[in-house]
Amino acid sequence: MTLALTPLISLIAGILILVVPRLLNYIVAIYLIVIGLVGIFGTGNFNLRF
């Protein structure tokens, strides 16, 4: 069974933004940092579908 992380992360982020709107800046910053790190270093041995 393969779990696509992007839709799950998006759903959780959307719910958190609705509950606590101030989290938007942190969620966007963390997302950009993670995507940048994955882009630089690759996914290595992980089999994640982004």
C-alpha atoms as a PDB file:
ATOM      1  CA  MET A   1       0.000   0.000   0.000  1.00  0.00           C
ATOM      2  CA  THR A   2       1.424   3.347  -1.027  1.00  0.00           C
ATOM      3  CA  LEU A   3       0.536   6.480   0.894  1.00  0.00           C
ATOM      4  CA  ALA A   4       0.907   9.779  -0.937  1.00  0.00           C
ATOM      5  CA  LEU A   5       2.095  12.286   1.650  1.00  0.00           C
ATOM      6  CA  THR A   6       1.306  15.514  -0.183  1.00  0.00           C
ATOM      7  CA  PRO A   7      -2.520  15.270   0.060  1.00  0.00           C
ATOM      8  CA  LEU A   8      -2.315  14.196   3.701  1.00  0.00           C
ATOM      9  CA  ILE A   9       0.024  17.056   4.613  1.00  0.00           C
ATOM     10  CA  SER A  10      -2.165  19.521   2.705  1.00  0.00           C
ATOM     11  CA  LEU A  11      -5.279  18.362   4.549  1.00  0.00           C
ATOM     12  CA  ILE A  12      -3.641  18.667   7.966  1.00  0.00           C
ATOM     13  CA  ALA A  13      -2.180  22.072   7.105  1.00  0.00           C
ATOM     14  CA  GLY A  14      -5.563  23.329   5.878  1.00  0.00           C
ATOM     15  CA  ILE A  15      -7.306  22.259   9.069  1.00  0.00           C
ATOM     16  CA  LEU A  16      -4.612  23.856  11.236  1.00  0.00           C
ATOM     17  CA  ILE A  17      -4.813  27.113   9.274  1.00  0.00           C
ATOM     18  CA  LEU A  18      -8.590  27.207   9.789  1.00  0.00           C
ATOM     19  CA  VAL A  19      -8.203  26.604  13.527  1.00  0.00           C
ATOM     20  CA  VAL A  20      -5.198  28.872  14.127  1.00  0.00           C
ATOM     21  CA  PRO A  21      -4.707  31.370  11.265  1.00  0.00           C
ATOM     22  CA  ARG A  22      -1.375  32.580  12.694  1.00  0.00           C
ATOM     23  CA  LEU A  23       0.124  29.183  11.868  1.00  0.00           C
ATOM     24  CA  LEU A  24      -0.013  30.008   8.152  1.00  0.00           C
ATOM     25  CA  ASN A  25       3.419  31.658   8.155  1.00  0.00           C
ATOM     26  CA  TYR A  26       5.038  28.729   9.969  1.00  0.00           C
ATOM     27  CA  ILE A  27       3.355  26.080   7.838  1.00  0.00           C
ATOM     28  CA  VAL A  28       4.378  27.778   4.598  1.00  0.00           C
ATOM     29  CA  ALA A  29       7.937  28.295   5.853  1.00  0.00           C
ATOM     30  CA  ILE A  30       8.316  24.662   6.948  1.00  0.00           C
ATOM     31  CA  TYR A  31       6.819  23.438   3.665  1.00  0.00           C
ATOM     32  CA  LEU A  32       9.230  25.528   1.610  1.00  0.00           C
ATOM     33  CA  ILE A  33      12.217  24.393   3.674  1.00  0.00           C
ATOM     34  CA  VAL A  34      11.264  20.712   3.336  1.00  0.00           C
ATOM     35  CA  ILE A  35      10.672  20.989  -0.423  1.00  0.00           C
ATOM     36  CA  GLY A  36      13.986  22.815  -0.811  1.00  0.00           C
ATOM     37  CA  LEU A  37      15.884  20.158   1.152  1.00  0.00           C
ATOM     38  CA  VAL A  38      14.275  17.354  -0.831  1.00  0.00           C
ATOM     39  CA  GLY A  39      15.173  19.182  -4.034  1.00  0.00           C
ATOM     40  CA  ILE A  40      18.802  19.627  -2.994  1.00  0.00           C
ATOM     41  CA  PHE A  41      19.484  16.243  -1.413  1.00  0.00           C
ATOM     42  CA  GLY A  42      16.892  14.087  -3.176  1.00  0.00           C
ATOM     43  CA  THR A  43      14.793  11.533  -1.387  1.00  0.00           C
ATOM     44  CA  GLY A  44      17.650   9.061  -0.947  1.00  0.00           C
ATOM     45  CA  ASN A  45      16.335   5.594  -0.126  1.00  0.00           C
ATOM     46  CA  PHE A  46      12.819   6.779   0.686  1.00  0.00           C
ATOM     47  CA  ASN A  47      10.015   5.939  -1.717  1.00  0.00           C
ATOM     48  CA  LEU A  48       7.872   9.044  -1.300  1.00  0.00           C
ATOM     49  CA  ARG A  49       5.589  10.310  -4.048  1.00  0.00           C
ATOM     50  CA  PHE A  50       5.503  14.103  -4.199  1.00  0.00           C
END
